[in-house]
N, C-alpha and C. Protein backbone atom coordinates (compact mmCIF):
# COMPACT_ATOMS: atom_id res chain seq x y z
N MET A 1 -8.02 7.31 19.17
CA MET A 1 -8.96 6.57 18.30
C MET A 1 -8.78 5.07 18.52
N PRO A 2 -9.83 4.37 18.90
CA PRO A 2 -9.68 2.93 19.11
C PRO A 2 -9.40 2.20 17.82
N ARG A 3 -8.63 1.12 17.92
CA ARG A 3 -8.28 0.34 16.75
C ARG A 3 -8.82 -1.07 16.88
N ARG A 4 -9.02 -1.70 15.75
CA ARG A 4 -9.44 -3.09 15.75
C ARG A 4 -8.24 -3.98 15.97
N ASP A 5 -8.46 -5.09 16.66
CA ASP A 5 -7.39 -6.06 16.83
C ASP A 5 -7.05 -6.69 15.50
N GLY A 6 -5.82 -7.14 15.37
CA GLY A 6 -5.44 -7.86 14.16
C GLY A 6 -4.65 -6.99 13.22
N GLY A 7 -4.75 -7.28 11.92
CA GLY A 7 -3.93 -6.62 10.90
C GLY A 7 -4.20 -5.14 10.79
N GLY A 8 -3.14 -4.42 10.46
CA GLY A 8 -3.24 -2.98 10.34
C GLY A 8 -4.02 -2.52 9.13
N CYS A 9 -4.42 -3.41 8.23
CA CYS A 9 -5.15 -3.02 7.04
C CYS A 9 -6.65 -3.20 7.19
N GLU A 10 -7.12 -3.69 8.32
CA GLU A 10 -8.55 -3.95 8.47
C GLU A 10 -9.34 -2.65 8.43
N THR A 11 -10.56 -2.71 7.85
CA THR A 11 -11.42 -1.54 7.77
C THR A 11 -12.82 -1.91 8.25
N GLU A 12 -13.57 -0.88 8.60
CA GLU A 12 -14.97 -1.10 8.94
C GLU A 12 -15.75 -1.36 7.66
N GLY A 13 -16.82 -2.12 7.75
CA GLY A 13 -17.64 -2.43 6.59
C GLY A 13 -18.35 -1.19 6.06
N VAL A 14 -18.64 -1.17 4.76
CA VAL A 14 -19.37 -0.07 4.14
C VAL A 14 -20.86 -0.29 4.38
N THR A 15 -21.54 0.73 4.88
CA THR A 15 -22.95 0.58 5.20
C THR A 15 -23.84 0.79 3.99
N ASP A 16 -23.37 1.55 3.00
CA ASP A 16 -24.16 1.79 1.79
C ASP A 16 -24.06 0.57 0.89
N ALA A 17 -25.18 -0.13 0.72
CA ALA A 17 -25.16 -1.39 -0.04
C ALA A 17 -24.83 -1.16 -1.51
N THR A 18 -24.98 0.08 -2.00
CA THR A 18 -24.69 0.35 -3.41
C THR A 18 -23.23 0.67 -3.64
N ALA A 19 -22.47 0.82 -2.58
CA ALA A 19 -21.06 1.21 -2.70
C ALA A 19 -20.16 0.07 -2.28
N HIS A 20 -19.00 0.03 -2.90
CA HIS A 20 -17.99 -0.96 -2.50
C HIS A 20 -16.66 -0.22 -2.47
N PHE A 21 -16.41 0.46 -1.38
CA PHE A 21 -15.20 1.25 -1.26
C PHE A 21 -14.06 0.37 -0.77
N LEU A 22 -12.87 0.61 -1.29
CA LEU A 22 -11.77 -0.33 -1.15
C LEU A 22 -10.63 0.15 -0.26
N ALA A 23 -10.79 1.23 0.47
CA ALA A 23 -9.72 1.70 1.34
C ALA A 23 -9.33 0.59 2.31
N GLY A 24 -8.03 0.30 2.39
CA GLY A 24 -7.54 -0.77 3.23
C GLY A 24 -7.38 -2.08 2.50
N SER A 25 -7.82 -2.14 1.25
CA SER A 25 -7.67 -3.35 0.43
C SER A 25 -6.41 -3.25 -0.43
N LEU A 26 -6.06 -4.38 -1.02
CA LEU A 26 -4.98 -4.40 -2.00
C LEU A 26 -5.54 -4.54 -3.40
N LEU A 27 -4.94 -3.82 -4.32
CA LEU A 27 -5.18 -4.03 -5.75
C LEU A 27 -3.95 -4.74 -6.29
N VAL A 28 -4.15 -5.92 -6.84
CA VAL A 28 -3.05 -6.69 -7.41
C VAL A 28 -3.22 -6.69 -8.92
N ALA A 29 -2.22 -6.20 -9.63
CA ALA A 29 -2.31 -6.11 -11.09
C ALA A 29 -2.45 -7.50 -11.70
N THR A 30 -3.37 -7.65 -12.62
CA THR A 30 -3.53 -8.91 -13.32
C THR A 30 -2.46 -9.01 -14.42
N PRO A 31 -2.20 -10.22 -14.91
CA PRO A 31 -1.16 -10.37 -15.93
C PRO A 31 -1.44 -9.61 -17.22
N GLN A 32 -2.69 -9.14 -17.43
CA GLN A 32 -2.97 -8.42 -18.66
C GLN A 32 -2.36 -7.02 -18.66
N ILE A 33 -1.92 -6.53 -17.51
CA ILE A 33 -1.12 -5.29 -17.48
C ILE A 33 0.33 -5.70 -17.73
N GLU A 34 0.77 -5.55 -18.94
CA GLU A 34 2.06 -6.10 -19.34
C GLU A 34 3.20 -5.09 -19.33
N GLU A 35 2.89 -3.81 -19.14
CA GLU A 35 3.95 -2.81 -19.13
C GLU A 35 3.49 -1.59 -18.34
N GLY A 36 4.42 -0.67 -18.12
CA GLY A 36 4.09 0.55 -17.39
C GLY A 36 4.28 0.41 -15.90
N PRO A 37 3.97 1.47 -15.15
CA PRO A 37 4.25 1.49 -13.71
C PRO A 37 3.43 0.50 -12.90
N PHE A 38 2.34 -0.03 -13.46
CA PHE A 38 1.49 -0.93 -12.70
C PHE A 38 1.70 -2.40 -13.06
N ARG A 39 2.69 -2.70 -13.87
CA ARG A 39 2.95 -4.09 -14.20
C ARG A 39 3.34 -4.85 -12.93
N ARG A 40 2.60 -5.90 -12.62
CA ARG A 40 2.81 -6.72 -11.42
C ARG A 40 2.85 -5.86 -10.14
N ALA A 41 2.11 -4.81 -10.13
CA ALA A 41 2.07 -3.93 -8.96
C ALA A 41 1.10 -4.46 -7.92
N VAL A 42 1.42 -4.17 -6.66
CA VAL A 42 0.52 -4.41 -5.53
C VAL A 42 0.29 -3.05 -4.88
N VAL A 43 -0.95 -2.58 -4.93
CA VAL A 43 -1.29 -1.23 -4.47
C VAL A 43 -2.13 -1.32 -3.20
N LEU A 44 -1.72 -0.60 -2.18
CA LEU A 44 -2.53 -0.44 -0.98
C LEU A 44 -3.42 0.79 -1.19
N VAL A 45 -4.74 0.59 -1.15
CA VAL A 45 -5.68 1.69 -1.35
C VAL A 45 -5.80 2.47 -0.03
N LEU A 46 -5.42 3.74 -0.08
CA LEU A 46 -5.45 4.58 1.12
C LEU A 46 -6.78 5.31 1.27
N HIS A 47 -7.40 5.63 0.14
CA HIS A 47 -8.66 6.38 0.16
C HIS A 47 -9.48 6.00 -1.07
N HIS A 48 -10.80 5.88 -0.89
CA HIS A 48 -11.67 5.56 -2.01
C HIS A 48 -13.08 6.01 -1.68
N ASP A 49 -13.65 6.82 -2.55
CA ASP A 49 -15.05 7.21 -2.43
C ASP A 49 -15.57 7.53 -3.83
N GLU A 50 -16.74 8.15 -3.91
CA GLU A 50 -17.34 8.44 -5.22
C GLU A 50 -16.45 9.34 -6.08
N GLY A 51 -15.63 10.14 -5.43
CA GLY A 51 -14.80 11.09 -6.17
C GLY A 51 -13.52 10.50 -6.73
N GLY A 52 -13.17 9.28 -6.34
CA GLY A 52 -11.95 8.67 -6.85
C GLY A 52 -11.23 7.87 -5.79
N ALA A 53 -10.00 7.53 -6.09
CA ALA A 53 -9.21 6.69 -5.18
C ALA A 53 -7.75 7.08 -5.25
N GLN A 54 -7.05 6.86 -4.15
CA GLN A 54 -5.61 7.07 -4.08
C GLN A 54 -4.99 5.90 -3.32
N GLY A 55 -3.78 5.54 -3.73
CA GLY A 55 -3.07 4.46 -3.06
C GLY A 55 -1.59 4.55 -3.34
N VAL A 56 -0.83 3.61 -2.81
CA VAL A 56 0.61 3.55 -3.05
C VAL A 56 1.00 2.14 -3.47
N ILE A 57 1.93 2.07 -4.43
CA ILE A 57 2.46 0.78 -4.87
C ILE A 57 3.45 0.29 -3.82
N LEU A 58 3.25 -0.93 -3.36
CA LEU A 58 4.05 -1.46 -2.24
C LEU A 58 5.32 -2.17 -2.68
N ASN A 59 5.47 -2.47 -3.97
CA ASN A 59 6.58 -3.32 -4.40
C ASN A 59 7.46 -2.66 -5.47
N ARG A 60 7.73 -1.35 -5.30
CA ARG A 60 8.61 -0.63 -6.21
C ARG A 60 9.72 0.11 -5.44
N PRO A 61 10.64 -0.60 -4.84
CA PRO A 61 11.75 0.10 -4.16
C PRO A 61 12.63 0.83 -5.17
N LEU A 62 13.08 2.00 -4.79
CA LEU A 62 13.96 2.79 -5.63
C LEU A 62 15.39 2.71 -5.11
N ASP A 63 16.33 3.05 -5.95
CA ASP A 63 17.73 3.07 -5.55
C ASP A 63 18.05 4.41 -4.91
N ALA A 64 17.36 4.69 -3.82
CA ALA A 64 17.54 5.97 -3.11
C ALA A 64 17.36 5.72 -1.63
N ASP A 65 18.45 5.82 -0.88
CA ASP A 65 18.39 5.62 0.56
C ASP A 65 17.57 6.73 1.21
N VAL A 66 16.76 6.35 2.20
CA VAL A 66 15.89 7.31 2.87
C VAL A 66 16.70 8.48 3.43
N GLU A 67 17.87 8.22 3.99
CA GLU A 67 18.66 9.27 4.63
C GLU A 67 19.08 10.34 3.64
N SER A 68 19.30 9.95 2.39
CA SER A 68 19.74 10.92 1.39
C SER A 68 18.61 11.83 0.93
N VAL A 69 17.37 11.42 1.17
CA VAL A 69 16.21 12.21 0.73
C VAL A 69 15.54 12.91 1.91
N LEU A 70 15.37 12.18 3.01
CA LEU A 70 14.71 12.72 4.20
C LEU A 70 15.56 12.40 5.42
N PRO A 71 16.56 13.22 5.71
CA PRO A 71 17.46 12.95 6.82
C PRO A 71 16.71 12.77 8.14
N GLY A 72 17.14 11.75 8.88
CA GLY A 72 16.56 11.48 10.19
C GLY A 72 15.55 10.36 10.20
N TRP A 73 14.96 10.06 9.04
CA TRP A 73 13.90 9.05 9.00
C TRP A 73 14.43 7.64 8.78
N ARG A 74 15.69 7.47 8.42
CA ARG A 74 16.20 6.14 8.11
C ARG A 74 16.07 5.19 9.30
N SER A 75 16.28 5.72 10.49
CA SER A 75 16.22 4.86 11.68
C SER A 75 14.79 4.43 12.02
N VAL A 76 13.80 5.08 11.41
CA VAL A 76 12.40 4.79 11.72
C VAL A 76 11.79 3.81 10.72
N VAL A 77 12.20 3.89 9.44
CA VAL A 77 11.55 3.08 8.42
C VAL A 77 11.97 1.62 8.51
N THR A 78 11.14 0.78 7.91
CA THR A 78 11.33 -0.67 7.88
C THR A 78 12.25 -1.05 6.73
N LEU A 79 12.99 -2.15 6.89
CA LEU A 79 13.83 -2.66 5.81
C LEU A 79 12.97 -3.06 4.60
N PRO A 80 13.48 -2.85 3.39
CA PRO A 80 14.72 -2.16 3.03
C PRO A 80 14.58 -0.65 3.20
N LYS A 81 15.63 -0.01 3.68
CA LYS A 81 15.57 1.41 4.05
C LYS A 81 15.78 2.33 2.84
N THR A 82 14.93 2.11 1.84
CA THR A 82 14.96 2.92 0.63
C THR A 82 13.62 3.60 0.45
N ILE A 83 13.60 4.63 -0.40
CA ILE A 83 12.35 5.23 -0.83
C ILE A 83 11.69 4.28 -1.83
N PHE A 84 10.38 4.18 -1.78
CA PHE A 84 9.61 3.39 -2.74
C PHE A 84 8.86 4.33 -3.69
N GLN A 85 8.69 3.90 -4.93
CA GLN A 85 7.86 4.68 -5.85
C GLN A 85 6.41 4.30 -5.62
N GLY A 86 5.65 5.24 -5.06
CA GLY A 86 4.26 4.96 -4.72
C GLY A 86 3.32 4.97 -5.90
N GLY A 87 3.75 5.56 -7.00
CA GLY A 87 2.90 5.64 -8.18
C GLY A 87 3.38 6.73 -9.11
N PRO A 88 2.69 6.90 -10.23
CA PRO A 88 3.15 7.87 -11.23
C PRO A 88 2.73 9.31 -10.99
N VAL A 89 1.95 9.58 -9.95
CA VAL A 89 1.43 10.93 -9.70
C VAL A 89 2.30 11.65 -8.67
N GLU A 90 2.70 12.90 -8.99
CA GLU A 90 3.45 13.76 -8.07
C GLU A 90 4.67 13.04 -7.49
N LEU A 91 5.57 12.65 -8.37
CA LEU A 91 6.77 11.92 -7.94
C LEU A 91 7.71 12.77 -7.09
N ASN A 92 7.51 14.09 -7.11
CA ASN A 92 8.36 14.95 -6.29
C ASN A 92 7.80 15.14 -4.88
N SER A 93 6.72 14.44 -4.55
CA SER A 93 6.15 14.52 -3.20
C SER A 93 6.44 13.21 -2.46
N ALA A 94 6.44 13.28 -1.14
CA ALA A 94 6.72 12.10 -0.32
C ALA A 94 5.53 11.82 0.60
N ILE A 95 5.20 10.53 0.73
CA ILE A 95 4.11 10.08 1.59
C ILE A 95 4.66 9.03 2.54
N GLY A 96 4.43 9.21 3.82
CA GLY A 96 4.83 8.22 4.82
C GLY A 96 3.62 7.49 5.35
N ILE A 97 3.68 6.16 5.40
CA ILE A 97 2.62 5.39 6.03
C ILE A 97 3.23 4.53 7.13
N ALA A 98 2.45 4.26 8.15
CA ALA A 98 2.96 3.50 9.29
C ALA A 98 1.82 2.79 9.99
N THR A 99 2.16 1.81 10.81
CA THR A 99 1.20 1.19 11.71
C THR A 99 1.63 1.49 13.14
N VAL A 100 0.64 1.72 13.98
CA VAL A 100 0.88 1.97 15.40
C VAL A 100 0.19 0.87 16.19
N PRO A 101 0.91 0.05 16.94
CA PRO A 101 0.31 -1.09 17.63
C PRO A 101 -0.52 -0.67 18.83
N GLY A 102 -1.44 -1.55 19.22
CA GLY A 102 -2.18 -1.35 20.46
C GLY A 102 -3.30 -0.36 20.34
N ASP A 103 -3.89 -0.01 21.47
CA ASP A 103 -5.03 0.89 21.52
C ASP A 103 -4.70 2.21 22.22
N GLU A 104 -3.43 2.55 22.22
CA GLU A 104 -3.03 3.80 22.88
C GLU A 104 -3.42 5.00 22.02
N ARG A 105 -3.32 6.18 22.61
CA ARG A 105 -3.58 7.42 21.88
C ARG A 105 -2.62 7.53 20.71
N ASP A 106 -3.10 8.00 19.56
CA ASP A 106 -2.24 8.15 18.40
C ASP A 106 -1.13 9.15 18.70
N PRO A 107 0.11 8.83 18.33
CA PRO A 107 1.22 9.73 18.61
C PRO A 107 1.15 10.99 17.75
N LEU A 108 1.83 12.02 18.18
CA LEU A 108 1.92 13.24 17.38
C LEU A 108 2.58 12.91 16.05
N GLY A 109 2.06 13.52 15.00
CA GLY A 109 2.61 13.28 13.67
C GLY A 109 2.02 12.10 12.96
N PHE A 110 0.97 11.49 13.53
CA PHE A 110 0.35 10.30 12.94
C PHE A 110 -1.14 10.58 12.74
N LYS A 111 -1.64 10.36 11.51
CA LYS A 111 -3.05 10.56 11.20
C LYS A 111 -3.65 9.21 10.79
N PRO A 112 -4.53 8.63 11.62
CA PRO A 112 -5.07 7.30 11.32
C PRO A 112 -5.93 7.30 10.06
N LEU A 113 -5.84 6.20 9.31
CA LEU A 113 -6.65 6.02 8.11
C LEU A 113 -7.66 4.89 8.30
N PHE A 114 -7.16 3.69 8.63
CA PHE A 114 -8.00 2.52 8.82
C PHE A 114 -7.21 1.51 9.63
N GLY A 115 -7.92 0.69 10.40
CA GLY A 115 -7.24 -0.28 11.24
C GLY A 115 -6.17 0.41 12.07
N GLN A 116 -4.95 -0.10 11.99
CA GLN A 116 -3.81 0.49 12.70
C GLN A 116 -2.92 1.29 11.77
N MET A 117 -3.38 1.49 10.55
CA MET A 117 -2.59 2.15 9.52
C MET A 117 -2.92 3.64 9.46
N GLY A 118 -1.88 4.45 9.20
CA GLY A 118 -2.11 5.88 9.08
C GLY A 118 -0.99 6.56 8.33
N LEU A 119 -1.18 7.86 8.13
CA LEU A 119 -0.19 8.70 7.45
C LEU A 119 0.73 9.34 8.47
N VAL A 120 1.98 9.53 8.06
CA VAL A 120 2.98 10.15 8.91
C VAL A 120 3.28 11.54 8.39
N ASP A 121 3.30 12.51 9.29
CA ASP A 121 3.70 13.87 8.94
C ASP A 121 5.23 13.91 8.84
N LEU A 122 5.74 13.95 7.61
CA LEU A 122 7.19 13.89 7.42
C LEU A 122 7.88 15.20 7.75
N ASP A 123 7.11 16.24 8.08
CA ASP A 123 7.70 17.49 8.57
C ASP A 123 7.90 17.46 10.08
N ALA A 124 7.34 16.45 10.73
CA ALA A 124 7.50 16.32 12.19
C ALA A 124 8.88 15.75 12.50
N PRO A 125 9.40 15.99 13.70
CA PRO A 125 10.68 15.38 14.09
C PRO A 125 10.58 13.86 14.10
N PRO A 126 11.48 13.15 13.44
CA PRO A 126 11.41 11.69 13.39
C PRO A 126 11.35 11.03 14.76
N ASN A 127 11.99 11.64 15.76
CA ASN A 127 12.02 10.98 17.08
C ASN A 127 10.65 10.93 17.75
N LEU A 128 9.67 11.70 17.24
CA LEU A 128 8.32 11.61 17.78
C LEU A 128 7.70 10.25 17.52
N LEU A 129 8.12 9.61 16.42
CA LEU A 129 7.52 8.34 16.03
C LEU A 129 8.48 7.16 16.14
N ALA A 130 9.73 7.42 16.40
CA ALA A 130 10.75 6.37 16.37
C ALA A 130 10.40 5.17 17.24
N THR A 131 9.81 5.40 18.40
CA THR A 131 9.49 4.31 19.31
C THR A 131 8.00 3.95 19.30
N GLU A 132 7.23 4.60 18.41
CA GLU A 132 5.78 4.43 18.42
C GLU A 132 5.25 3.54 17.32
N VAL A 133 5.99 3.41 16.22
CA VAL A 133 5.45 2.69 15.07
C VAL A 133 5.96 1.26 15.02
N ALA A 134 5.10 0.36 14.51
CA ALA A 134 5.48 -1.03 14.33
C ALA A 134 6.06 -1.27 12.95
N GLY A 135 5.81 -0.36 12.03
CA GLY A 135 6.34 -0.44 10.68
C GLY A 135 6.12 0.88 10.00
N MET A 136 7.04 1.28 9.13
CA MET A 136 6.90 2.54 8.42
C MET A 136 7.60 2.45 7.08
N ARG A 137 7.03 3.14 6.09
CA ARG A 137 7.63 3.19 4.76
C ARG A 137 7.34 4.56 4.15
N ILE A 138 8.27 5.03 3.31
CA ILE A 138 8.13 6.33 2.66
C ILE A 138 8.08 6.12 1.15
N PHE A 139 7.12 6.79 0.52
CA PHE A 139 6.87 6.64 -0.91
C PHE A 139 7.02 7.98 -1.62
N ALA A 140 7.61 7.92 -2.81
CA ALA A 140 7.65 9.07 -3.71
C ALA A 140 6.49 8.93 -4.68
N GLY A 141 5.56 9.87 -4.63
CA GLY A 141 4.40 9.81 -5.51
C GLY A 141 3.35 8.83 -5.03
N TYR A 142 2.26 8.79 -5.79
CA TYR A 142 1.15 7.90 -5.44
C TYR A 142 0.40 7.51 -6.70
N ALA A 143 -0.50 6.58 -6.55
CA ALA A 143 -1.40 6.17 -7.64
C ALA A 143 -2.75 6.83 -7.42
N GLY A 144 -3.33 7.37 -8.46
CA GLY A 144 -4.60 8.07 -8.32
C GLY A 144 -5.57 7.73 -9.44
N TRP A 145 -6.87 7.70 -9.10
CA TRP A 145 -7.93 7.42 -10.05
C TRP A 145 -9.04 8.44 -9.87
N ALA A 146 -9.61 8.92 -10.97
CA ALA A 146 -10.78 9.79 -10.91
C ALA A 146 -12.01 8.97 -10.54
N GLY A 147 -13.10 9.66 -10.23
CA GLY A 147 -14.33 8.99 -9.86
C GLY A 147 -14.76 7.98 -10.91
N GLY A 148 -14.97 6.74 -10.50
CA GLY A 148 -15.41 5.69 -11.39
C GLY A 148 -14.32 5.01 -12.19
N GLN A 149 -13.13 5.61 -12.25
CA GLN A 149 -12.06 5.05 -13.08
C GLN A 149 -11.57 3.71 -12.53
N LEU A 150 -11.34 3.64 -11.22
CA LEU A 150 -10.85 2.39 -10.65
C LEU A 150 -11.88 1.28 -10.82
N GLU A 151 -13.13 1.59 -10.58
CA GLU A 151 -14.18 0.58 -10.74
C GLU A 151 -14.20 0.04 -12.16
N ALA A 152 -14.01 0.94 -13.15
CA ALA A 152 -14.00 0.51 -14.55
C ALA A 152 -12.79 -0.38 -14.84
N GLU A 153 -11.64 -0.06 -14.25
CA GLU A 153 -10.45 -0.88 -14.47
C GLU A 153 -10.60 -2.26 -13.86
N ILE A 154 -11.22 -2.34 -12.69
CA ILE A 154 -11.46 -3.64 -12.06
C ILE A 154 -12.42 -4.47 -12.91
N GLN A 155 -13.49 -3.83 -13.39
CA GLN A 155 -14.45 -4.53 -14.23
C GLN A 155 -13.81 -5.01 -15.53
N ARG A 156 -12.86 -4.23 -16.05
CA ARG A 156 -12.17 -4.59 -17.29
C ARG A 156 -11.20 -5.75 -17.08
N GLY A 157 -10.84 -6.00 -15.83
CA GLY A 157 -9.95 -7.12 -15.53
C GLY A 157 -8.50 -6.72 -15.32
N ASP A 158 -8.27 -5.44 -15.00
CA ASP A 158 -6.90 -4.98 -14.76
C ASP A 158 -6.41 -5.30 -13.35
N TRP A 159 -7.33 -5.42 -12.40
CA TRP A 159 -6.96 -5.57 -10.99
C TRP A 159 -7.74 -6.68 -10.31
N TYR A 160 -7.07 -7.38 -9.41
CA TYR A 160 -7.74 -8.22 -8.43
C TYR A 160 -7.86 -7.41 -7.14
N ASP A 161 -9.03 -7.39 -6.55
CA ASP A 161 -9.28 -6.72 -5.27
C ASP A 161 -9.21 -7.78 -4.19
N VAL A 162 -8.20 -7.73 -3.32
CA VAL A 162 -8.02 -8.76 -2.30
C VAL A 162 -7.78 -8.10 -0.93
N ASP A 163 -7.92 -8.90 0.11
CA ASP A 163 -7.68 -8.41 1.47
C ASP A 163 -6.20 -8.15 1.70
N CYS A 164 -5.94 -7.18 2.53
CA CYS A 164 -4.57 -6.83 2.91
C CYS A 164 -4.24 -7.42 4.27
N GLU A 165 -3.00 -7.85 4.43
CA GLU A 165 -2.47 -8.19 5.74
C GLU A 165 -1.46 -7.12 6.14
N ALA A 166 -1.35 -6.85 7.43
CA ALA A 166 -0.51 -5.75 7.91
C ALA A 166 0.92 -5.85 7.39
N ARG A 167 1.44 -7.06 7.28
CA ARG A 167 2.83 -7.25 6.87
C ARG A 167 3.07 -6.85 5.42
N ASP A 168 2.00 -6.82 4.60
CA ASP A 168 2.17 -6.53 3.17
C ASP A 168 2.80 -5.16 2.93
N ALA A 169 2.37 -4.18 3.70
CA ALA A 169 2.85 -2.81 3.46
C ALA A 169 4.31 -2.64 3.82
N PHE A 170 4.85 -3.55 4.62
CA PHE A 170 6.22 -3.37 5.12
C PHE A 170 7.09 -4.60 4.88
N THR A 171 6.78 -5.36 3.85
CA THR A 171 7.54 -6.56 3.57
C THR A 171 9.01 -6.24 3.31
N ALA A 172 9.87 -7.11 3.81
CA ALA A 172 11.31 -6.96 3.57
C ALA A 172 11.70 -7.48 2.19
N HIS A 173 10.74 -8.11 1.51
CA HIS A 173 11.02 -8.70 0.18
C HIS A 173 9.96 -8.22 -0.82
N PRO A 174 9.98 -6.93 -1.16
CA PRO A 174 8.94 -6.40 -2.05
C PRO A 174 8.93 -7.05 -3.43
N ASP A 175 10.06 -7.60 -3.87
CA ASP A 175 10.12 -8.25 -5.18
C ASP A 175 9.28 -9.52 -5.22
N LEU A 176 8.96 -10.07 -4.07
CA LEU A 176 8.16 -11.31 -4.00
C LEU A 176 6.69 -11.05 -3.67
N LEU A 177 6.34 -9.79 -3.41
CA LEU A 177 5.02 -9.50 -2.86
C LEU A 177 3.89 -9.90 -3.81
N TRP A 178 4.02 -9.63 -5.09
CA TRP A 178 2.96 -9.95 -6.06
C TRP A 178 2.60 -11.43 -5.98
N SER A 179 3.61 -12.28 -6.05
CA SER A 179 3.36 -13.72 -5.99
C SER A 179 2.87 -14.17 -4.63
N GLU A 180 3.41 -13.57 -3.55
CA GLU A 180 3.01 -13.98 -2.21
C GLU A 180 1.55 -13.66 -1.93
N VAL A 181 1.10 -12.48 -2.34
CA VAL A 181 -0.29 -12.10 -2.10
C VAL A 181 -1.23 -13.01 -2.88
N LEU A 182 -0.90 -13.28 -4.13
CA LEU A 182 -1.76 -14.14 -4.94
C LEU A 182 -1.77 -15.58 -4.43
N SER A 183 -0.64 -16.06 -3.95
CA SER A 183 -0.54 -17.46 -3.54
C SER A 183 -1.38 -17.78 -2.31
N ARG A 184 -1.79 -16.78 -1.53
CA ARG A 184 -2.62 -17.04 -0.36
C ARG A 184 -4.12 -16.86 -0.65
N GLN A 185 -4.47 -16.63 -1.92
CA GLN A 185 -5.86 -16.44 -2.30
C GLN A 185 -6.51 -17.77 -2.66
N SER A 186 -7.72 -17.70 -3.18
CA SER A 186 -8.46 -18.90 -3.59
C SER A 186 -7.74 -19.59 -4.74
N ASP A 187 -8.19 -20.79 -5.07
CA ASP A 187 -7.48 -21.65 -6.02
C ASP A 187 -7.18 -20.95 -7.34
N ASN A 188 -8.15 -20.23 -7.92
CA ASN A 188 -7.92 -19.61 -9.22
C ASN A 188 -6.79 -18.58 -9.17
N LEU A 189 -6.78 -17.77 -8.13
CA LEU A 189 -5.72 -16.77 -8.03
C LEU A 189 -4.39 -17.40 -7.65
N LYS A 190 -4.42 -18.50 -6.93
CA LYS A 190 -3.17 -19.20 -6.63
C LYS A 190 -2.45 -19.61 -7.91
N LEU A 191 -3.22 -19.99 -8.91
CA LEU A 191 -2.64 -20.37 -10.19
C LEU A 191 -1.97 -19.18 -10.86
N VAL A 192 -2.57 -18.00 -10.71
CA VAL A 192 -1.99 -16.80 -11.32
C VAL A 192 -0.64 -16.47 -10.69
N ALA A 193 -0.45 -16.82 -9.42
CA ALA A 193 0.80 -16.51 -8.74
C ALA A 193 2.00 -17.13 -9.43
N SER A 194 1.80 -18.22 -10.14
CA SER A 194 2.90 -18.89 -10.84
C SER A 194 2.97 -18.50 -12.31
N PHE A 195 2.18 -17.51 -12.71
CA PHE A 195 2.20 -17.05 -14.09
C PHE A 195 3.59 -16.53 -14.41
N PRO A 196 4.20 -16.96 -15.53
CA PRO A 196 5.59 -16.58 -15.83
C PRO A 196 5.73 -15.09 -16.04
N ASP A 197 6.88 -14.55 -15.65
CA ASP A 197 7.15 -13.14 -15.81
C ASP A 197 7.09 -12.73 -17.28
N ASP A 198 7.52 -13.62 -18.15
CA ASP A 198 7.45 -13.40 -19.59
C ASP A 198 6.33 -14.29 -20.13
N PRO A 199 5.19 -13.68 -20.59
CA PRO A 199 4.07 -14.48 -21.05
C PRO A 199 4.44 -15.44 -22.18
N ALA A 200 5.48 -15.14 -22.93
CA ALA A 200 5.91 -16.01 -24.03
C ALA A 200 6.41 -17.35 -23.51
N MET A 201 6.75 -17.41 -22.19
CA MET A 201 7.24 -18.65 -21.60
C MET A 201 6.11 -19.55 -21.14
N ASN A 202 4.87 -19.06 -21.21
CA ASN A 202 3.73 -19.83 -20.72
C ASN A 202 3.40 -21.00 -21.66
C-alpha cells in the first residue's frame, strides 16, 4: 500500500462534504474536563465514521513493563517501554500501533490505517516487525464513542480537534504531550497550553 510522504498521522481528505471524519487526528481534552480518564488526555483517533469512533490515549503510561505483559515485544516498542492505558474500554485487551517508514510493502503482522500508521498483530512473532517499524507502542484498552457521541462532545467543548504529527504517538515524554500539542497551535490554543493544572491557581 503506498504511503504519503511526511508524518505518519496524515490522512486522505474526506470526499463527503457533509462528513468530517477524524481518523488520524488528535483529540486534545479541553480544561473543562476536570476529572476522569480523559482529563488532559491526548487521543489519537484510529477510526471514525457514522457508526462511532475509536482511539487510544497517548499520554497515560502505566507502571507495567511491556516484557511482563507481552514477552518479546519490549525490544520493539519505543521509550518509555511500558504499557499505556489507551482508554476505559476493554482494559484487558491490548492494541499495538506502529509506523512503518518508506513506501515498501507492509510487513507481516502490520495492518495499515492511515498515512504510515497501522495496527500490529500482537500474536505475531515480534521479530517480524523488530527491524521494520520506526515507532511502536502498546495500549491496554481504548477510547470508544457511539455514533454521533464524539461530534456532540466536540460541539459541547470537551475536545479540541487538531492535526497529528508522527512523533506524537511515540513521544518519550508523554507527561508533556498535552502542553506540547497545544503550544504548536494557533494563538488561542497556545494560551490554553499554559492553563494551570489546578484551575484554582488561575
